[in-house]
C-alpha atoms as a PDB file:
ATOM      1  CA  LYS A   1      -5.062 131.264 268.409  1.00  0.00           C
ATOM      2  CA  GLN A   2      -3.210 130.595 271.671  1.00  0.00           C
ATOM      3  CA  TRP A   3      -2.737 134.344 272.256  1.00  0.00           C
ATOM      4  CA  TYR A   4      -6.446 134.954 271.681  1.00  0.00           C
ATOM      5  CA  GLN A   5      -7.438 132.181 274.096  1.00  0.00           C
ATOM      6  CA  ARG A   6      -5.157 133.652 276.744  1.00  0.00           C
ATOM      7  CA  ARG A   7      -6.608 137.121 276.179  1.00  0.00           C
ATOM      8  CA  VAL A   8     -10.120 135.783 276.583  1.00  0.00           C
ATOM      9  CA  ALA A   9      -9.143 134.063 279.828  1.00  0.00           C
ATOM     10  CA  ILE A  10      -7.481 137.201 281.219  1.00  0.00           C
ATOM     11  CA  THR A  11     -10.229 139.614 280.194  1.00  0.00           C
ATOM     12  CA  ALA A  12     -13.162 137.377 281.142  1.00  0.00           C
ATOM     13  CA  GLY A  13     -15.546 139.316 283.341  1.00  0.00           C
ATOM     14  CA  MET A  14     -14.227 142.723 282.301  1.00  0.00           C
ATOM     15  CA  GLU A  15     -16.554 145.303 280.844  1.00  0.00           C
ATOM     16  CA  GLU A  16     -15.961 146.556 277.281  1.00  0.00           C
ATOM     17  CA  HIS A  17     -14.561 149.944 278.351  1.00  0.00           C
ATOM     18  CA  MET A  18     -11.992 148.405 280.758  1.00  0.00           C
ATOM     19  CA  ARG A  19      -8.326 148.034 279.781  1.00  0.00           C
ATOM     20  CA  LEU A  20      -5.378 146.183 281.269  1.00  0.00           C
ATOM     21  CA  ASN A  21      -2.376 148.245 282.338  1.00  0.00           C
ATOM     22  CA  HIS A  22       0.255 145.665 281.398  1.00  0.00           C
ATOM     23  CA  PHE A  23       2.536 144.923 278.498  1.00  0.00           C
ATOM     24  CA  ARG A  24       5.098 142.295 277.648  1.00  0.00           C
ATOM     25  CA  ASN A  25       8.530 142.715 279.269  1.00  0.00           C
ATOM     26  CA  HIS A  26       7.280 145.578 281.463  1.00  0.00           C
ATOM     27  CA  TYR A  27      10.144 144.913 283.886  1.00  0.00           C
ATOM     28  CA  GLU A  28      12.506 146.374 281.243  1.00  0.00           C
ATOM     29  CA  LEU A  29      11.159 149.781 282.324  1.00  0.00           C
ATOM     30  CA  THR A  30      10.077 149.162 285.898  1.00  0.00           C
ATOM     31  CA  ARG A  31      13.362 147.699 287.175  1.00  0.00           C
ATOM     32  CA  LYS A  32      15.904 150.488 287.770  1.00  0.00           C
ATOM     33  CA  ASN A  33      18.875 148.536 286.450  1.00  0.00           C
ATOM     34  CA  LEU A  34      17.104 147.433 283.260  1.00  0.00           C
ATOM     35  CA  MET A  35      15.679 150.887 282.579  1.00  0.00           C
ATOM     36  CA  ALA A  36      19.172 152.391 282.862  1.00  0.00           C
ATOM     37  CA  LYS A  37      20.545 149.700 280.551  1.00  0.00           C
ATOM     38  CA  ASN A  38      17.850 150.419 277.962  1.00  0.00           C
ATOM     39  CA  LEU A  39      18.333 154.195 278.161  1.00  0.00           C
ATOM     40  CA  LYS A  40      22.088 153.749 277.633  1.00  0.00           C
ATOM     41  CA  ARG A  41      21.369 151.462 274.683  1.00  0.00           C
ATOM     42  CA  LEU A  42      18.959 154.035 273.225  1.00  0.00           C
ATOM     43  CA  ARG A  43      21.574 156.781 273.529  1.00  0.00           C
ATOM     44  CA  LYS A  44      24.189 154.662 271.728  1.00  0.00           C
ATOM     45  CA  GLN A  45      21.721 153.805 268.955  1.00  0.00           C
ATOM     46  CA  ILE A  46      20.774 157.460 268.445  1.00  0.00           C
ATOM     47  CA  GLU A  47      24.460 158.409 268.406  1.00  0.00           C
ATOM     48  CA  ARG A  48      25.136 155.809 265.674  1.00  0.00           C
ATOM     49  CA  ASP A  49      22.102 156.840 263.639  1.00  0.00           C
ATOM     50  CA  SER A  50      22.021 160.615 264.121  1.00  0.00           C
ATOM     51  CA  GLY A  51      25.238 161.761 265.786  1.00  0.00           C
ATOM     52  CA  LYS A  52      26.386 163.021 269.162  1.00  0.00           C
ATOM     53  CA  ILE A  53      24.357 166.231 269.142  1.00  0.00           C
ATOM     54  CA  GLU A  54      21.093 164.332 268.775  1.00  0.00           C
ATOM     55  CA  ALA A  55      22.201 161.698 271.314  1.00  0.00           C
ATOM     56  CA  ALA A  56      22.915 164.450 273.856  1.00  0.00           C
ATOM     57  CA  LYS A  57      19.141 164.882 274.152  1.00  0.00           C
ATOM     58  CA  CYS A  58      19.194 161.596 276.079  1.00  0.00           C
ATOM     59  CA  ASP A  59      21.241 163.157 278.874  1.00  0.00           C
ATOM     60  CA  PHE A  60      18.151 163.683 281.024  1.00  0.00           C
ATOM     61  CA  PHE A  61      19.000 160.826 283.404  1.00  0.00           C
ATOM     62  CA  PRO A  62      21.954 160.737 285.808  1.00  0.00           C
ATOM     63  CA  THR A  63      25.149 158.806 285.244  1.00  0.00           C
ATOM     64  CA  THR A  64      24.250 155.275 286.289  1.00  0.00           C
ATOM     65  CA  PHE A  65      26.331 152.267 287.261  1.00  0.00           C
ATOM     66  CA  GLU A  66      25.245 148.717 287.982  1.00  0.00           C
ATOM     67  CA  LEU A  67      27.332 147.299 290.792  1.00  0.00           C
ATOM     68  CA  PRO A  68      29.330 145.159 291.147  1.00  0.00           C
ATOM     69  CA  ALA A  69      29.807 144.831 287.358  1.00  0.00           C
ATOM     70  CA  ASP A  70      30.569 148.553 286.827  1.00  0.00           C
ATOM     71  CA  TYR A  71      32.525 149.049 290.073  1.00  0.00           C
ATOM     72  CA  HIS A  72      35.856 150.030 288.493  1.00  0.00           C
ATOM     73  CA  ILE A  73      34.175 152.483 286.106  1.00  0.00           C
ATOM     74  CA  PHE A  74      32.218 153.907 289.034  1.00  0.00           C
ATOM     75  CA  VAL A  75      35.397 154.413 291.113  1.00  0.00           C
ATOM     76  CA  GLU A  76      36.996 156.359 288.233  1.00  0.00           C
ATOM     77  CA  GLU A  77      33.934 158.626 287.997  1.00  0.00           C
ATOM     78  CA  PHE A  78      33.819 158.946 291.787  1.00  0.00           C
ATOM     79  CA  LYS A  79      37.435 160.185 291.842  1.00  0.00           C
ATOM     80  CA  ARG A  80      36.654 162.770 289.121  1.00  0.00           C
ATOM     81  CA  SER A  81      33.835 164.213 291.252  1.00  0.00           C
ATOM     82  CA  PRO A  82      35.197 164.171 294.821  1.00  0.00           C
ATOM     83  CA  ASN A  83      32.505 166.378 296.429  1.00  0.00           C
ATOM     84  CA  SER A  84      29.497 164.730 294.801  1.00  0.00           C
ATOM     85  CA  THR A  85      26.747 162.941 296.664  1.00  0.00           C
ATOM     86  CA  TRP A  86      25.965 159.485 295.295  1.00  0.00           C
ATOM     87  CA  ILE A  87      22.737 157.515 295.607  1.00  0.00           C
ATOM     88  CA  ILE A  88      22.535 153.735 295.959  1.00  0.00           C
ATOM     89  CA  LYS A  89      19.259 152.158 294.876  1.00  0.00           C
ATOM     90  CA  PRO A  90      18.891 148.394 295.270  1.00  0.00           C
ATOM     91  CA  ILE A  91      17.755 146.594 292.125  1.00  0.00           C
ATOM     92  CA  ALA A  92      14.783 144.621 293.389  1.00  0.00           C
ATOM     93  CA  LYS A  93      13.305 146.879 296.053  1.00  0.00           C
ATOM     94  CA  ALA A  94      10.532 149.477 295.900  1.00  0.00           C
ATOM     95  CA  GLN A  95       9.000 152.378 297.815  1.00  0.00           C
ATOM     96  CA  GLY A  96      12.379 153.806 298.838  1.00  0.00           C
ATOM     97  CA  LYS A  97      13.485 150.710 300.731  1.00  0.00           C
ATOM     98  CA  GLY A  98      17.242 150.236 300.866  1.00  0.00           C
ATOM     99  CA  ILE A  99      18.107 153.615 299.297  1.00  0.00           C
ATOM    100  CA  PHE A 100      20.963 155.567 300.842  1.00  0.00           C
ATOM    101  CA  THR A 101      23.409 158.331 299.938  1.00  0.00           C
ATOM    102  CA  PHE A 102      27.157 158.595 300.457  1.00  0.00           C
ATOM    103  CA  ARG A 103      30.112 160.871 299.726  1.00  0.00           C
ATOM    104  CA  LYS A 104      33.073 158.630 300.616  1.00  0.00           C
ATOM    105  CA  ILE A 105      34.222 155.119 299.731  1.00  0.00           C
ATOM    106  CA  LYS A 106      35.984 153.077 302.390  1.00  0.00           C
ATOM    107  CA  GLY A 107      39.261 151.476 301.473  1.00  0.00           C
END
């Protein structure tokens, strides 16, 4: 009943053909760090259920690290690909703000 009352309050004044473009936990897909986490989780689940060949179909997104937690893993990957260009995307920013590329790590 509580859900229905909330729906009525949210949709009050909307015409019958109108729909809301929102769903619960939408930030799990709209935040870059959470989307990467969920895609990695999906790949692992498919690998457990169907094997590595099927899981390889999830390799459509680039190798992703969440810093600072994955820093050491990132540095290992960085050393394996010395001429690669890397992209930094801040977690809670949008419209390209704060994004930059780099090819070297200081220190």
